[in-house]
């Protein structure tokens, strides 16, 4: 214990404890093929607010999540495309996916790629 006016001059070492880096999770079975997730991406980019986020749910599989735009539109090989992140929650498992959707000639947005998101 210190008396009033005394100063503790001991050097104390501190450090940061970080969560261990988890190995990239495997995408839940069927996530890449989930029609509800793909439809949500199409709906988001066709909407008046394509820079937002939209929830999705597949009552047949019990899967649900959100699709969120992560970049402005860009042109790739003459086609307008958008990148997005999607959460995929089923039972007690949550996975994150990154995807790309592009506007097809008929004006509909179609998901061209969907793969596990790896945090950098």
Protein backbone atom coordinates (compact mmCIF):
# COMPACT_ATOMS: atom_id res chain seq x y z
CA UNK A 1 0.00 0.00 0.00
CA UNK A 2 1.18 3.51 -0.76
CA UNK A 3 1.08 6.42 1.56
CA UNK A 4 -0.39 9.65 0.27
CA UNK A 5 2.05 11.36 -2.08
CA UNK A 6 4.03 8.20 -2.96
CA UNK A 7 4.31 7.15 -6.58
CA UNK A 8 4.44 3.56 -7.82
CA UNK A 9 7.61 3.35 -9.94
CA UNK A 10 7.48 -0.36 -10.81
CA UNK A 11 7.42 -1.16 -14.48
CA UNK A 12 4.51 -3.33 -15.49
CA UNK A 13 4.37 -5.17 -18.78
CA UNK A 14 1.09 -5.48 -20.54
CA UNK A 15 0.14 -7.14 -23.75
CA UNK A 16 -2.76 -7.67 -26.04
CA UNK A 17 -4.57 -10.94 -26.13
CA UNK A 18 -6.13 -11.56 -29.50
CA UNK A 19 -8.55 -14.20 -30.58
CA UNK A 20 -6.81 -16.95 -32.43
CA UNK A 21 -7.23 -16.82 -36.15
CA UNK A 22 -9.83 -19.38 -37.04
CA UNK A 23 -9.28 -21.42 -40.15
CA UNK A 24 -11.63 -20.35 -42.93
CA UNK A 25 -14.94 -22.06 -42.38
CA UNK A 26 -16.48 -24.27 -44.94
CA UNK A 27 -19.59 -22.88 -46.54
CA UNK A 28 -22.74 -24.59 -45.27
CA UNK A 29 -23.99 -27.28 -47.62
CA UNK A 30 -26.12 -25.74 -50.32
CA UNK A 31 -25.17 -22.10 -49.63
CA UNK A 32 -23.67 -21.62 -53.06
CA UNK A 33 -26.83 -22.99 -54.66
CA UNK A 34 -29.41 -21.34 -52.40
CA UNK A 35 -31.97 -19.75 -54.71
CA UNK A 36 -33.29 -17.43 -51.97
CA UNK A 37 -29.84 -15.93 -51.37
CA UNK A 38 -29.32 -15.42 -55.11
CA UNK A 39 -32.78 -13.88 -55.48
CA UNK A 40 -32.03 -11.45 -52.62
CA UNK A 41 -28.87 -10.24 -54.39
CA UNK A 42 -30.86 -9.71 -57.59
CA UNK A 43 -33.58 -7.83 -55.69
CA UNK A 44 -31.04 -5.61 -53.89
CA UNK A 45 -29.25 -4.52 -57.04
CA UNK A 46 -32.52 -3.97 -58.92
CA UNK A 47 -33.85 -1.74 -56.13
CA UNK A 48 -33.75 2.05 -55.83
CA UNK A 49 -31.18 1.65 -52.99
CA UNK A 50 -28.61 -0.83 -54.36
CA UNK A 51 -25.95 0.27 -51.84
CA UNK A 52 -27.78 -1.16 -48.86
CA UNK A 53 -28.53 -4.50 -47.33
CA UNK A 54 -31.45 -6.88 -47.65
CA UNK A 55 -32.49 -9.88 -45.55
CA UNK A 56 -33.27 -13.24 -47.11
CA UNK A 57 -34.77 -16.50 -45.88
CA UNK A 58 -35.36 -19.92 -47.39
CA UNK A 59 -38.27 -21.58 -45.54
CA UNK A 60 -37.57 -24.89 -47.29
CA UNK A 61 -34.05 -25.23 -45.88
CA UNK A 62 -34.33 -23.01 -42.80
CA UNK A 63 -31.36 -20.95 -44.02
CA UNK A 64 -31.39 -17.18 -43.70
CA UNK A 65 -29.09 -14.17 -43.72
CA UNK A 66 -28.44 -10.84 -45.37
CA UNK A 67 -26.95 -9.63 -48.63
CA UNK A 68 -24.96 -6.38 -48.43
CA UNK A 69 -23.44 -4.38 -51.27
CA UNK A 70 -19.75 -3.68 -50.65
CA UNK A 71 -18.72 -1.70 -53.73
CA UNK A 72 -20.03 0.59 -56.40
CA UNK A 73 -20.99 -0.85 -59.75
CA UNK A 74 -18.18 -1.49 -62.22
CA UNK A 75 -18.00 -2.64 -65.83
CA UNK A 76 -16.37 -5.96 -66.61
CA UNK A 77 -16.20 -7.15 -70.23
CA UNK A 78 -18.98 -4.71 -71.14
CA UNK A 79 -21.28 -5.90 -68.32
CA UNK A 80 -22.24 -3.94 -65.19
CA UNK A 81 -21.37 -5.87 -62.01
CA UNK A 82 -21.54 -5.40 -58.22
CA UNK A 83 -19.71 -7.13 -55.35
CA UNK A 84 -21.47 -8.17 -52.16
CA UNK A 85 -21.11 -10.01 -48.86
CA UNK A 86 -23.77 -12.45 -47.74
CA UNK A 87 -24.34 -14.09 -44.40
CA UNK A 88 -25.62 -17.67 -44.45
CA UNK A 89 -27.11 -18.88 -41.19
CA UNK A 90 -28.48 -22.39 -40.82
CA UNK A 91 -29.10 -24.13 -37.50
CA UNK A 92 -26.18 -23.10 -35.26
CA UNK A 93 -23.79 -22.35 -38.11
CA UNK A 94 -22.99 -18.92 -39.55
CA UNK A 95 -20.89 -18.51 -42.67
CA UNK A 96 -19.94 -15.49 -44.74
CA UNK A 97 -19.74 -15.49 -48.51
CA UNK A 98 -18.43 -12.99 -51.03
CA UNK A 99 -20.08 -12.74 -54.37
CA UNK A 100 -20.37 -10.95 -57.64
CA UNK A 101 -23.63 -10.22 -59.44
CA UNK A 102 -23.87 -8.84 -62.98
CA UNK A 103 -26.71 -7.36 -65.00
CA UNK A 104 -27.60 -9.66 -67.85
CA UNK A 105 -28.83 -8.50 -71.25
CA UNK A 106 -32.46 -8.81 -70.12
CA UNK A 107 -31.73 -6.35 -67.29
CA UNK A 108 -31.92 -8.96 -64.51
CA UNK A 109 -29.07 -9.25 -62.01
CA UNK A 110 -27.54 -12.72 -61.82
CA UNK A 111 -25.05 -14.00 -59.24
CA UNK A 112 -21.97 -15.09 -61.17
CA UNK A 113 -19.75 -16.12 -58.26
CA UNK A 114 -20.27 -17.00 -54.63
CA UNK A 115 -17.47 -18.32 -52.45
CA UNK A 116 -16.43 -18.37 -48.79
CA UNK A 117 -15.29 -14.97 -47.57
CA UNK A 118 -11.80 -15.04 -46.11
CA UNK A 119 -11.14 -12.23 -43.68
CA UNK A 120 -7.84 -10.52 -44.35
